[in-house]
């Protein structure tokens, strides 16, 4: 280990809880508590770039128990520490029905763990792209609104705006009542109260990244709007944006195919396996097409997205999302 890394490592040991107890009202767990709660980190729920998530259970007075999800950060020192602080600071003070709630953390020596409410029905990705039953149309409409309201809260209703930076179906979790909640704030970028844009390195997941990530231009909340547009199309159509196992070549890229179907007045082709109101499908597709415009300035705010999805405001006819023909 280099001298610089040793010094950073020592600093982590010295600062202990990072002052997070003063900033956020969260429970601080000991490592022993969480190791016991997860039965030695036995049941893995999923794995991300910074570590795995395990199922656990906390016992209160008597036999009362509460299931939890414990995220154990495995990249020590620089990357893991940045992730830990970002996640705790970003959602420690947030409370919204469409955000996964952070219950507490462990900052013991070099060990960094985050404790969340347990989401019993897995991810939206599993729901849309898995082998089990597909959610019906009404469920999908509700899920799309759940996600939009969660993002609206992050963008406009928090103390400081938060750009999530990694909106995708795998980061949308479903609770026991099938309410969709946004999770995984490790890549989140917080803006100052008077700030609307920021420069930052590329973060997020390929396929959901807004074009501006690759242009070395400032990132705004509109980057999340783009990602949401892709997720909205995937939710409407129950398929991934990129799928090579389709019957026609022009269907491989869902965003391009959706625009072609919209222009041709054939949005029913996107949901050919079920009977749904064509006007409702068309409205949702139009909202998605506005969200995935190449130019951030053309994308609506999340408030506008919610109002359009709720049917409060009309959805104008969107232009072709890309400057190149699709």
C-alpha atoms as a PDB file:
ATOM      1  CA  UNK A   1       0.000   0.000   0.000  1.00  0.00           C
ATOM      2  CA  UNK A   2       1.434   3.407  -0.960  1.00  0.00           C
ATOM      3  CA  UNK A   3       2.279   6.056   1.661  1.00  0.00           C
ATOM      4  CA  UNK A   4      -0.603   8.238   0.394  1.00  0.00           C
ATOM      5  CA  UNK A   5      -3.092   5.380   0.734  1.00  0.00           C
ATOM      6  CA  UNK A   6      -1.799   4.581   4.237  1.00  0.00           C
ATOM      7  CA  UNK A   7      -2.275   8.201   5.275  1.00  0.00           C
ATOM      8  CA  UNK A   8      -5.820   8.230   3.841  1.00  0.00           C
ATOM      9  CA  UNK A   9      -6.593   4.955   5.573  1.00  0.00           C
ATOM     10  CA  UNK A  10      -5.320   6.314   8.904  1.00  0.00           C
ATOM     11  CA  UNK A  11      -7.443   9.411   8.419  1.00  0.00           C
ATOM     12  CA  UNK A  12     -10.547   7.273   8.043  1.00  0.00           C
ATOM     13  CA  UNK A  13      -9.780   5.506  11.288  1.00  0.00           C
ATOM     14  CA  UNK A  14      -9.316   8.839  13.028  1.00  0.00           C
ATOM     15  CA  UNK A  15     -12.490  10.554  11.800  1.00  0.00           C
ATOM     16  CA  UNK A  16     -14.644   7.592  12.777  1.00  0.00           C
ATOM     17  CA  UNK A  17     -18.287   8.512  12.188  1.00  0.00           C
ATOM     18  CA  UNK A  18     -17.427  11.383   9.793  1.00  0.00           C
ATOM     19  CA  UNK A  19     -19.679  13.688  11.776  1.00  0.00           C
ATOM     20  CA  UNK A  20     -22.682  11.999  10.192  1.00  0.00           C
ATOM     21  CA  UNK A  21     -24.431  11.605  13.523  1.00  0.00           C
ATOM     22  CA  UNK A  22     -24.675  15.390  13.709  1.00  0.00           C
ATOM     23  CA  UNK A  23     -25.929  15.748  10.143  1.00  0.00           C
ATOM     24  CA  UNK A  24     -28.554  13.046   9.865  1.00  0.00           C
ATOM     25  CA  UNK A  25     -30.901  11.412  12.334  1.00  0.00           C
ATOM     26  CA  UNK A  26     -29.954   7.822  11.640  1.00  0.00           C
ATOM     27  CA  UNK A  27     -29.286   4.873  13.885  1.00  0.00           C
ATOM     28  CA  UNK A  28     -25.646   3.951  14.227  1.00  0.00           C
ATOM     29  CA  UNK A  29     -25.078   0.174  14.243  1.00  0.00           C
ATOM     30  CA  UNK A  30     -22.052  -1.755  15.381  1.00  0.00           C
ATOM     31  CA  UNK A  31     -20.422  -4.162  12.955  1.00  0.00           C
ATOM     32  CA  UNK A  32     -21.164  -7.033  15.338  1.00  0.00           C
ATOM     33  CA  UNK A  33     -24.877  -6.144  15.340  1.00  0.00           C
ATOM     34  CA  UNK A  34     -25.070  -6.218  11.549  1.00  0.00           C
ATOM     35  CA  UNK A  35     -23.007  -9.376  11.229  1.00  0.00           C
ATOM     36  CA  UNK A  36     -25.419 -11.081  13.617  1.00  0.00           C
ATOM     37  CA  UNK A  37     -28.489  -9.580  11.895  1.00  0.00           C
ATOM     38  CA  UNK A  38     -27.361 -10.967   8.506  1.00  0.00           C
ATOM     39  CA  UNK A  39     -26.259 -14.329   9.932  1.00  0.00           C
ATOM     40  CA  UNK A  40     -22.686 -13.619   8.896  1.00  0.00           C
ATOM     41  CA  UNK A  41     -23.672 -11.907   5.624  1.00  0.00           C
ATOM     42  CA  UNK A  42     -25.168 -15.143   4.374  1.00  0.00           C
ATOM     43  CA  UNK A  43     -28.041 -14.240   2.040  1.00  0.00           C
ATOM     44  CA  UNK A  44     -26.950 -11.940  -0.785  1.00  0.00           C
ATOM     45  CA  UNK A  45     -29.724  -9.881  -2.375  1.00  0.00           C
ATOM     46  CA  UNK A  46     -27.615  -8.240  -5.052  1.00  0.00           C
ATOM     47  CA  UNK A  47     -24.231  -6.816  -5.915  1.00  0.00           C
ATOM     48  CA  UNK A  48     -23.183  -3.364  -7.124  1.00  0.00           C
ATOM     49  CA  UNK A  49     -19.932  -1.719  -8.112  1.00  0.00           C
ATOM     50  CA  UNK A  50     -19.095  -0.861  -4.502  1.00  0.00           C
ATOM     51  CA  UNK A  51     -20.233  -3.983  -2.698  1.00  0.00           C
ATOM     52  CA  UNK A  52     -22.972  -6.513  -2.015  1.00  0.00           C
ATOM     53  CA  UNK A  53     -26.349  -6.170  -0.300  1.00  0.00           C
ATOM     54  CA  UNK A  54     -27.483  -8.793   2.227  1.00  0.00           C
ATOM     55  CA  UNK A  55     -30.807  -9.631   3.822  1.00  0.00           C
ATOM     56  CA  UNK A  56     -30.965  -9.261   7.568  1.00  0.00           C
ATOM     57  CA  UNK A  57     -33.407  -9.117  10.446  1.00  0.00           C
ATOM     58  CA  UNK A  58     -33.530  -6.938  13.545  1.00  0.00           C
ATOM     59  CA  UNK A  59     -35.315  -8.142  16.662  1.00  0.00           C
ATOM     60  CA  UNK A  60     -36.964  -5.566  18.864  1.00  0.00           C
ATOM     61  CA  UNK A  61     -38.585  -6.121  22.248  1.00  0.00           C
ATOM     62  CA  UNK A  62     -39.864  -9.640  22.568  1.00  0.00           C
ATOM     63  CA  UNK A  63     -40.216 -11.367  19.221  1.00  0.00           C
ATOM     64  CA  UNK A  64     -40.987  -8.331  17.075  1.00  0.00           C
ATOM     65  CA  UNK A  65     -38.753  -8.356  14.025  1.00  0.00           C
ATOM     66  CA  UNK A  66     -37.983  -6.156  11.081  1.00  0.00           C
ATOM     67  CA  UNK A  67     -36.300  -7.235   7.865  1.00  0.00           C
ATOM     68  CA  UNK A  68     -33.500  -5.037   6.603  1.00  0.00           C
ATOM     69  CA  UNK A  69     -31.112  -4.836   3.652  1.00  0.00           C
ATOM     70  CA  UNK A  70     -27.461  -4.280   4.567  1.00  0.00           C
ATOM     71  CA  UNK A  71     -25.074  -2.858   1.982  1.00  0.00           C
ATOM     72  CA  UNK A  72     -21.461  -3.686   2.787  1.00  0.00           C
ATOM     73  CA  UNK A  73     -19.001  -1.411   1.000  1.00  0.00           C
ATOM     74  CA  UNK A  74     -15.991  -3.359  -0.122  1.00  0.00           C
ATOM     75  CA  UNK A  75     -13.806  -0.764  -1.876  1.00  0.00           C
ATOM     76  CA  UNK A  76     -11.968   0.773   1.030  1.00  0.00           C
ATOM     77  CA  UNK A  77     -10.418   4.191   1.384  1.00  0.00           C
ATOM     78  CA  UNK A  78     -11.066   6.474  -1.579  1.00  0.00           C
ATOM     79  CA  UNK A  79     -13.899   5.122  -3.753  1.00  0.00           C
ATOM     80  CA  UNK A  80     -15.855   3.337  -1.032  1.00  0.00           C
ATOM     81  CA  UNK A  81     -15.547   6.248   1.349  1.00  0.00           C
ATOM     82  CA  UNK A  82     -16.847   8.678  -1.245  1.00  0.00           C
ATOM     83  CA  UNK A  83     -19.763   6.329  -1.960  1.00  0.00           C
ATOM     84  CA  UNK A  84     -20.527   5.957   1.722  1.00  0.00           C
ATOM     85  CA  UNK A  85     -20.592   9.675   2.429  1.00  0.00           C
ATOM     86  CA  UNK A  86     -22.562  10.461  -0.728  1.00  0.00           C
ATOM     87  CA  UNK A  87     -25.238   7.910   0.039  1.00  0.00           C
ATOM     88  CA  UNK A  88     -25.653   8.833   3.695  1.00  0.00           C
ATOM     89  CA  UNK A  89     -25.637  12.585   3.099  1.00  0.00           C
ATOM     90  CA  UNK A  90     -27.968  12.330   0.107  1.00  0.00           C
ATOM     91  CA  UNK A  91     -30.746  10.329   1.669  1.00  0.00           C
ATOM     92  CA  UNK A  92     -30.190  10.653   5.402  1.00  0.00           C
ATOM     93  CA  UNK A  93     -32.630  13.555   5.551  1.00  0.00           C
ATOM     94  CA  UNK A  94     -34.980  12.492   2.770  1.00  0.00           C
ATOM     95  CA  UNK A  95     -38.390  11.012   3.499  1.00  0.00           C
ATOM     96  CA  UNK A  96     -40.674  10.132   0.622  1.00  0.00           C
ATOM     97  CA  UNK A  97     -42.872   7.125  -0.086  1.00  0.00           C
ATOM     98  CA  UNK A  98     -41.083   6.558  -3.395  1.00  0.00           C
ATOM     99  CA  UNK A  99     -37.545   6.500  -2.002  1.00  0.00           C
ATOM    100  CA  UNK A 100     -36.031   3.485  -0.246  1.00  0.00           C
ATOM    101  CA  UNK A 101     -35.495   4.595   3.337  1.00  0.00           C
ATOM    102  CA  UNK A 102     -32.029   4.592   4.869  1.00  0.00           C
ATOM    103  CA  UNK A 103     -32.384   3.404   8.474  1.00  0.00           C
ATOM    104  CA  UNK A 104     -28.817   3.624   9.691  1.00  0.00           C
ATOM    105  CA  UNK A 105     -25.140   3.000   9.084  1.00  0.00           C
ATOM    106  CA  UNK A 106     -21.988   1.493  10.514  1.00  0.00           C
ATOM    107  CA  UNK A 107     -18.707   3.405  10.498  1.00  0.00           C
ATOM    108  CA  UNK A 108     -16.437   1.263  12.638  1.00  0.00           C
ATOM    109  CA  UNK A 109     -12.739   1.505  11.869  1.00  0.00           C
ATOM    110  CA  UNK A 110     -12.437   0.808   8.145  1.00  0.00           C
ATOM    111  CA  UNK A 111     -15.840  -0.916   7.973  1.00  0.00           C
ATOM    112  CA  UNK A 112     -18.598   0.943   6.168  1.00  0.00           C
ATOM    113  CA  UNK A 113     -22.146  -0.433   5.956  1.00  0.00           C
ATOM    114  CA  UNK A 114     -25.538   1.068   5.108  1.00  0.00           C
ATOM    115  CA  UNK A 115     -28.821  -0.267   6.491  1.00  0.00           C
ATOM    116  CA  UNK A 116     -32.036   0.098   4.471  1.00  0.00           C
ATOM    117  CA  UNK A 117     -35.637  -0.954   4.725  1.00  0.00           C
ATOM    118  CA  UNK A 118     -36.068  -4.347   3.080  1.00  0.00           C
ATOM    119  CA  UNK A 119     -37.930  -4.382  -0.218  1.00  0.00           C
ATOM    120  CA  UNK A 120     -39.620  -7.765  -0.444  1.00  0.00           C
ATOM    121  CA  UNK A 121     -40.589  -7.790  -4.129  1.00  0.00           C
ATOM    122  CA  UNK A 122     -37.195  -7.156  -5.701  1.00  0.00           C
ATOM    123  CA  UNK A 123     -36.403  -4.739  -8.504  1.00  0.00           C
ATOM    124  CA  UNK A 124     -38.446  -3.319 -11.354  1.00  0.00           C
ATOM    125  CA  UNK A 125     -35.864  -4.879 -13.671  1.00  0.00           C
ATOM    126  CA  UNK A 126     -36.712  -8.334 -12.354  1.00  0.00           C
ATOM    127  CA  UNK A 127     -40.412  -7.556 -12.654  1.00  0.00           C
ATOM    128  CA  UNK A 128     -40.223  -6.323 -16.267  1.00  0.00           C
ATOM    129  CA  UNK A 129     -37.508  -8.584 -17.652  1.00  0.00           C
ATOM    130  CA  UNK A 130     -37.808 -11.691 -15.463  1.00  0.00           C
ATOM    131  CA  UNK A 131     -39.492 -15.006 -16.145  1.00  0.00           C
ATOM    132  CA  UNK A 132     -42.466 -14.482 -13.864  1.00  0.00           C
ATOM    133  CA  UNK A 133     -45.732 -12.712 -14.601  1.00  0.00           C
ATOM    134  CA  UNK A 134     -45.556  -9.313 -16.225  1.00  0.00           C
ATOM    135  CA  UNK A 135     -47.239  -6.443 -14.371  1.00  0.00           C
ATOM    136  CA  UNK A 136     -50.534  -5.495 -15.999  1.00  0.00           C
ATOM    137  CA  UNK A 137     -51.119  -2.137 -17.640  1.00  0.00           C
ATOM    138  CA  UNK A 138     -52.644  -0.382 -14.617  1.00  0.00           C
ATOM    139  CA  UNK A 139     -49.738  -1.550 -12.459  1.00  0.00           C
ATOM    140  CA  UNK A 140     -47.222  -0.207 -14.971  1.00  0.00           C
ATOM    141  CA  UNK A 141     -48.956   3.180 -15.151  1.00  0.00           C
ATOM    142  CA  UNK A 142     -48.862   3.404 -11.352  1.00  0.00           C
ATOM    143  CA  UNK A 143     -45.199   2.319 -11.203  1.00  0.00           C
ATOM    144  CA  UNK A 144     -44.244   4.944 -13.807  1.00  0.00           C
ATOM    145  CA  UNK A 145     -45.899   7.625 -11.669  1.00  0.00           C
ATOM    146  CA  UNK A 146     -44.286   6.319  -8.472  1.00  0.00           C
ATOM    147  CA  UNK A 147     -40.826   6.686 -10.027  1.00  0.00           C
ATOM    148  CA  UNK A 148     -41.602  10.126 -11.444  1.00  0.00           C
ATOM    149  CA  UNK A 149     -42.816  11.392  -8.055  1.00  0.00           C
ATOM    150  CA  UNK A 150     -39.694  10.058  -6.363  1.00  0.00           C
ATOM    151  CA  UNK A 151     -37.448  11.871  -8.837  1.00  0.00           C
ATOM    152  CA  UNK A 152     -39.535  15.052  -8.515  1.00  0.00           C
ATOM    153  CA  UNK A 153     -38.908  14.963  -4.769  1.00  0.00           C
ATOM    154  CA  UNK A 154     -35.151  14.637  -5.315  1.00  0.00           C
ATOM    155  CA  UNK A 155     -35.031  17.435  -7.870  1.00  0.00           C
ATOM    156  CA  UNK A 156     -37.391  20.010  -6.396  1.00  0.00           C
ATOM    157  CA  UNK A 157     -38.516  19.173  -2.884  1.00  0.00           C
ATOM    158  CA  UNK A 158     -35.286  18.361  -1.031  1.00  0.00           C
ATOM    159  CA  UNK A 159     -33.327  20.873   1.019  1.00  0.00           C
ATOM    160  CA  UNK A 160     -30.719  20.781  -1.762  1.00  0.00           C
ATOM    161  CA  UNK A 161     -31.466  19.343  -5.232  1.00  0.00           C
ATOM    162  CA  UNK A 162     -30.142  15.834  -5.807  1.00  0.00           C
ATOM    163  CA  UNK A 163     -29.214  14.405  -9.213  1.00  0.00           C
ATOM    164  CA  UNK A 164     -29.497  10.640  -8.787  1.00  0.00           C
ATOM    165  CA  UNK A 165     -27.256   9.883 -11.799  1.00  0.00           C
ATOM    166  CA  UNK A 166     -28.213   6.198 -12.083  1.00  0.00           C
ATOM    167  CA  UNK A 167     -31.952   5.856 -12.690  1.00  0.00           C
ATOM    168  CA  UNK A 168     -32.555   2.375 -14.137  1.00  0.00           C
ATOM    169  CA  UNK A 169     -34.988  -0.517 -13.467  1.00  0.00           C
ATOM    170  CA  UNK A 170     -32.445  -2.331 -11.279  1.00  0.00           C
ATOM    171  CA  UNK A 171     -32.377   0.683  -8.944  1.00  0.00           C
ATOM    172  CA  UNK A 172     -36.165   0.812  -8.618  1.00  0.00           C
ATOM    173  CA  UNK A 173     -37.254  -1.561  -5.859  1.00  0.00           C
ATOM    174  CA  UNK A 174     -40.739  -2.852  -5.065  1.00  0.00           C
ATOM    175  CA  UNK A 175     -42.043  -3.071  -1.500  1.00  0.00           C
ATOM    176  CA  UNK A 176     -44.582  -5.549  -0.133  1.00  0.00           C
ATOM    177  CA  UNK A 177     -47.448  -3.473  -1.559  1.00  0.00           C
ATOM    178  CA  UNK A 178     -45.738  -3.190  -4.981  1.00  0.00           C
ATOM    179  CA  UNK A 179     -44.977   0.480  -4.425  1.00  0.00           C
ATOM    180  CA  UNK A 180     -41.960   1.500  -6.525  1.00  0.00           C
ATOM    181  CA  UNK A 181     -39.113   3.149  -4.621  1.00  0.00           C
ATOM    182  CA  UNK A 182     -35.862   4.615  -5.916  1.00  0.00           C
ATOM    183  CA  UNK A 183     -32.700   3.177  -4.377  1.00  0.00           C
ATOM    184  CA  UNK A 184     -28.901   3.260  -4.635  1.00  0.00           C
ATOM    185  CA  UNK A 185     -27.774   6.834  -4.132  1.00  0.00           C
ATOM    186  CA  UNK A 186     -24.071   5.991  -4.257  1.00  0.00           C
ATOM    187  CA  UNK A 187     -23.577   7.941  -7.469  1.00  0.00           C
ATOM    188  CA  UNK A 188     -25.839  10.834  -6.471  1.00  0.00           C
ATOM    189  CA  UNK A 189     -24.592  14.362  -6.999  1.00  0.00           C
ATOM    190  CA  UNK A 190     -25.814  17.000  -4.574  1.00  0.00           C
ATOM    191  CA  UNK A 191     -26.239  20.561  -5.784  1.00  0.00           C
ATOM    192  CA  UNK A 192     -25.889  23.619  -3.615  1.00  0.00           C
ATOM    193  CA  UNK A 193     -29.179  25.525  -3.052  1.00  0.00           C
ATOM    194  CA  UNK A 194     -28.138  28.156  -5.613  1.00  0.00           C
ATOM    195  CA  UNK A 195     -26.623  25.658  -8.056  1.00  0.00           C
ATOM    196  CA  UNK A 196     -28.382  24.230 -11.124  1.00  0.00           C
ATOM    197  CA  UNK A 197     -25.508  22.432 -12.840  1.00  0.00           C
ATOM    198  CA  UNK A 198     -22.257  20.706 -12.034  1.00  0.00           C
ATOM    199  CA  UNK A 199     -19.205  19.247 -13.722  1.00  0.00           C
ATOM    200  CA  UNK A 200     -18.543  15.658 -12.735  1.00  0.00           C
ATOM    201  CA  UNK A 201     -16.970  12.523 -14.148  1.00  0.00           C
ATOM    202  CA  UNK A 202     -19.169  10.101 -16.077  1.00  0.00           C
ATOM    203  CA  UNK A 203     -21.310   8.097 -13.680  1.00  0.00           C
ATOM    204  CA  UNK A 204     -24.307   5.887 -14.264  1.00  0.00           C
ATOM    205  CA  UNK A 205     -25.160   2.898 -16.445  1.00  0.00           C
ATOM    206  CA  UNK A 206     -24.676   2.509 -20.171  1.00  0.00           C
ATOM    207  CA  UNK A 207     -27.978   2.598 -22.032  1.00  0.00           C
ATOM    208  CA  UNK A 208     -29.493   5.052 -19.556  1.00  0.00           C
ATOM    209  CA  UNK A 209     -26.862   7.799 -19.804  1.00  0.00           C
ATOM    210  CA  UNK A 210     -27.912  11.146 -21.248  1.00  0.00           C
ATOM    211  CA  UNK A 211     -25.814  12.284 -24.262  1.00  0.00           C
ATOM    212  CA  UNK A 212     -24.316  15.208 -22.331  1.00  0.00           C
ATOM    213  CA  UNK A 213     -22.317  12.795 -20.148  1.00  0.00           C
ATOM    214  CA  UNK A 214     -20.056  12.227 -23.147  1.00  0.00           C
ATOM    215  CA  UNK A 215     -19.744  15.877 -24.171  1.00  0.00           C
ATOM    216  CA  UNK A 216     -17.842  17.327 -21.206  1.00  0.00           C
ATOM    217  CA  UNK A 217     -20.680  19.765 -20.571  1.00  0.00           C
ATOM    218  CA  UNK A 218     -22.268  20.617 -17.198  1.00  0.00           C
ATOM    219  CA  UNK A 219     -24.679  18.029 -15.807  1.00  0.00           C
ATOM    220  CA  UNK A 220     -28.105  19.121 -14.567  1.00  0.00           C
ATOM    221  CA  UNK A 221     -31.203  17.346 -13.269  1.00  0.00           C
ATOM    222  CA  UNK A 222     -32.106  16.873 -16.961  1.00  0.00           C
ATOM    223  CA  UNK A 223     -29.660  13.914 -17.002  1.00  0.00           C
ATOM    224  CA  UNK A 224     -32.063  12.060 -14.686  1.00  0.00           C
ATOM    225  CA  UNK A 225     -34.988  13.057 -16.925  1.00  0.00           C
ATOM    226  CA  UNK A 226     -33.309  11.304 -19.862  1.00  0.00           C
ATOM    227  CA  UNK A 227     -32.729   8.135 -17.838  1.00  0.00           C
ATOM    228  CA  UNK A 228     -36.338   8.229 -16.678  1.00  0.00           C
ATOM    229  CA  UNK A 229     -37.526   8.461 -20.285  1.00  0.00           C
ATOM    230  CA  UNK A 230     -35.720   5.221 -21.135  1.00  0.00           C
ATOM    231  CA  UNK A 231     -37.129   3.546 -18.006  1.00  0.00           C
ATOM    232  CA  UNK A 232     -40.626   4.794 -18.885  1.00  0.00           C
ATOM    233  CA  UNK A 233     -40.433   3.204 -22.347  1.00  0.00           C
ATOM    234  CA  UNK A 234     -39.159  -0.046 -20.847  1.00  0.00           C
ATOM    235  CA  UNK A 235     -42.001  -0.006 -18.305  1.00  0.00           C
ATOM    236  CA  UNK A 236     -44.642   0.648 -20.971  1.00  0.00           C
ATOM    237  CA  UNK A 237     -43.316  -2.093 -23.269  1.00  0.00           C
ATOM    238  CA  UNK A 238     -41.991  -4.634 -20.713  1.00  0.00           C
ATOM    239  CA  UNK A 239     -38.694  -4.970 -22.583  1.00  0.00           C
ATOM    240  CA  UNK A 240     -35.168  -3.600 -22.491  1.00  0.00           C
ATOM    241  CA  UNK A 241     -34.277  -0.564 -24.560  1.00  0.00           C
ATOM    242  CA  UNK A 242     -31.686  -2.658 -26.403  1.00  0.00           C
ATOM    243  CA  UNK A 243     -32.838  -6.153 -27.380  1.00  0.00           C
ATOM    244  CA  UNK A 244     -31.335  -8.118 -30.253  1.00  0.00           C
ATOM    245  CA  UNK A 245     -33.817 -10.988 -29.840  1.00  0.00           C
ATOM    246  CA  UNK A 246     -36.654  -9.284 -31.693  1.00  0.00           C
ATOM    247  CA  UNK A 247     -38.516 -10.185 -34.861  1.00  0.00           C
ATOM    248  CA  UNK A 248     -37.605  -7.066 -36.854  1.00  0.00           C
ATOM    249  CA  UNK A 249     -34.266  -5.174 -37.014  1.00  0.00           C
ATOM    250  CA  UNK A 250     -35.989  -1.819 -36.531  1.00  0.00           C
ATOM    251  CA  UNK A 251     -37.266  -3.038 -33.144  1.00  0.00           C
ATOM    252  CA  UNK A 252     -33.797  -3.634 -31.649  1.00  0.00           C
ATOM    253  CA  UNK A 253     -33.553  -0.133 -30.162  1.00  0.00           C
ATOM    254  CA  UNK A 254     -36.802   0.495 -28.323  1.00  0.00           C
ATOM    255  CA  UNK A 255     -36.470   4.293 -28.244  1.00  0.00           C
ATOM    256  CA  UNK A 256     -36.088   4.438 -32.037  1.00  0.00           C
ATOM    257  CA  UNK A 257     -38.869   1.951 -32.657  1.00  0.00           C
ATOM    258  CA  UNK A 258     -41.209   3.793 -30.264  1.00  0.00           C
ATOM    259  CA  UNK A 259     -40.724   7.027 -32.200  1.00  0.00           C
ATOM    260  CA  UNK A 260     -41.427   5.266 -35.524  1.00  0.00           C
ATOM    261  CA  UNK A 261     -44.592   3.707 -34.090  1.00  0.00           C
ATOM    262  CA  UNK A 262     -45.720   7.073 -32.743  1.00  0.00           C
ATOM    263  CA  UNK A 263     -45.195   8.870 -36.071  1.00  0.00           C
ATOM    264  CA  UNK A 264     -47.062   6.085 -37.899  1.00  0.00           C
ATOM    265  CA  UNK A 265     -49.940   6.158 -35.404  1.00  0.00           C
ATOM    266  CA  UNK A 266     -49.184   2.553 -34.414  1.00  0.00           C
ATOM    267  CA  UNK A 267     -48.275   2.750 -30.722  1.00  0.00           C
ATOM    268  CA  UNK A 268     -50.492  -0.309 -30.139  1.00  0.00           C
ATOM    269  CA  UNK A 269     -47.649  -2.383 -31.630  1.00  0.00           C
ATOM    270  CA  UNK A 270     -45.560  -1.576 -28.556  1.00  0.00           C
ATOM    271  CA  UNK A 271     -48.061  -3.383 -26.313  1.00  0.00           C
ATOM    272  CA  UNK A 272     -49.464  -5.871 -28.816  1.00  0.00           C
ATOM    273  CA  UNK A 273     -50.091  -8.622 -26.227  1.00  0.00           C
ATOM    274  CA  UNK A 274     -52.726  -6.710 -24.231  1.00  0.00           C
ATOM    275  CA  UNK A 275     -55.806  -4.590 -24.742  1.00  0.00           C
ATOM    276  CA  UNK A 276     -55.168  -1.068 -23.494  1.00  0.00           C
ATOM    277  CA  UNK A 277     -56.459   2.423 -24.224  1.00  0.00           C
ATOM    278  CA  UNK A 278     -54.478   3.606 -27.249  1.00  0.00           C
ATOM    279  CA  UNK A 279     -54.703   7.248 -26.134  1.00  0.00           C
ATOM    280  CA  UNK A 280     -53.163   6.474 -22.743  1.00  0.00           C
ATOM    281  CA  UNK A 281     -50.335   4.483 -24.364  1.00  0.00           C
ATOM    282  CA  UNK A 282     -49.723   7.282 -26.841  1.00  0.00           C
ATOM    283  CA  UNK A 283     -49.573   9.894 -24.065  1.00  0.00           C
ATOM    284  CA  UNK A 284     -47.021   7.862 -22.083  1.00  0.00           C
ATOM    285  CA  UNK A 285     -44.906   7.296 -25.186  1.00  0.00           C
ATOM    286  CA  UNK A 286     -45.025  11.027 -25.976  1.00  0.00           C
ATOM    287  CA  UNK A 287     -43.869  11.855 -22.444  1.00  0.00           C
ATOM    288  CA  UNK A 288     -41.000   9.364 -22.793  1.00  0.00           C
ATOM    289  CA  UNK A 289     -39.979  10.812 -26.167  1.00  0.00           C
ATOM    290  CA  UNK A 290     -39.830  14.313 -24.662  1.00  0.00           C
ATOM    291  CA  UNK A 291     -37.674  12.996 -21.820  1.00  0.00           C
ATOM    292  CA  UNK A 292     -35.093  11.394 -24.143  1.00  0.00           C
ATOM    293  CA  UNK A 293     -34.472  14.420 -26.339  1.00  0.00           C
ATOM    294  CA  UNK A 294     -30.759  14.794 -27.162  1.00  0.00           C
ATOM    295  CA  UNK A 295     -30.878  18.446 -26.148  1.00  0.00           C
ATOM    296  CA  UNK A 296     -31.336  18.805 -22.370  1.00  0.00           C
ATOM    297  CA  UNK A 297     -33.168  22.133 -22.798  1.00  0.00           C
ATOM    298  CA  UNK A 298     -35.946  20.334 -24.700  1.00  0.00           C
ATOM    299  CA  UNK A 299     -36.594  17.828 -21.918  1.00  0.00           C
ATOM    300  CA  UNK A 300     -39.398  18.725 -19.520  1.00  0.00           C
ATOM    301  CA  UNK A 301     -38.929  19.217 -15.784  1.00  0.00           C
ATOM    302  CA  UNK A 302     -39.954  16.337 -13.555  1.00  0.00           C
ATOM    303  CA  UNK A 303     -42.889  18.436 -12.339  1.00  0.00           C
ATOM    304  CA  UNK A 304     -44.126  18.695 -15.936  1.00  0.00           C
ATOM    305  CA  UNK A 305     -43.608  14.956 -16.428  1.00  0.00           C
ATOM    306  CA  UNK A 306     -45.754  14.159 -13.383  1.00  0.00           C
ATOM    307  CA  UNK A 307     -48.509  16.551 -14.493  1.00  0.00           C
ATOM    308  CA  UNK A 308     -48.532  15.065 -18.008  1.00  0.00           C
ATOM    309  CA  UNK A 309     -48.647  11.493 -16.689  1.00  0.00           C
ATOM    310  CA  UNK A 310     -51.463  12.425 -14.312  1.00  0.00           C
ATOM    311  CA  UNK A 311     -53.417  13.878 -17.230  1.00  0.00           C
ATOM    312  CA  UNK A 312     -53.482  17.339 -15.668  1.00  0.00           C
ATOM    313  CA  UNK A 313     -51.703  18.920 -18.635  1.00  0.00           C
ATOM    314  CA  UNK A 314     -51.724  17.986 -22.305  1.00  0.00           C
ATOM    315  CA  UNK A 315     -48.680  16.361 -23.902  1.00  0.00           C
ATOM    316  CA  UNK A 316     -47.468  18.250 -26.991  1.00  0.00           C
ATOM    317  CA  UNK A 317     -46.270  16.342 -30.048  1.00  0.00           C
ATOM    318  CA  UNK A 318     -42.562  15.570 -29.489  1.00  0.00           C
ATOM    319  CA  UNK A 319     -39.894  16.053 -32.167  1.00  0.00           C
ATOM    320  CA  UNK A 320     -37.538  13.234 -33.137  1.00  0.00           C
ATOM    321  CA  UNK A 321     -35.407  12.646 -29.991  1.00  0.00           C
ATOM    322  CA  UNK A 322     -32.092  12.569 -31.843  1.00  0.00           C
ATOM    323  CA  UNK A 323     -30.617  14.999 -34.321  1.00  0.00           C
ATOM    324  CA  UNK A 324     -29.787  11.988 -36.507  1.00  0.00           C
ATOM    325  CA  UNK A 325     -32.732  10.258 -38.122  1.00  0.00           C
ATOM    326  CA  UNK A 326     -33.751   7.112 -36.254  1.00  0.00           C
END
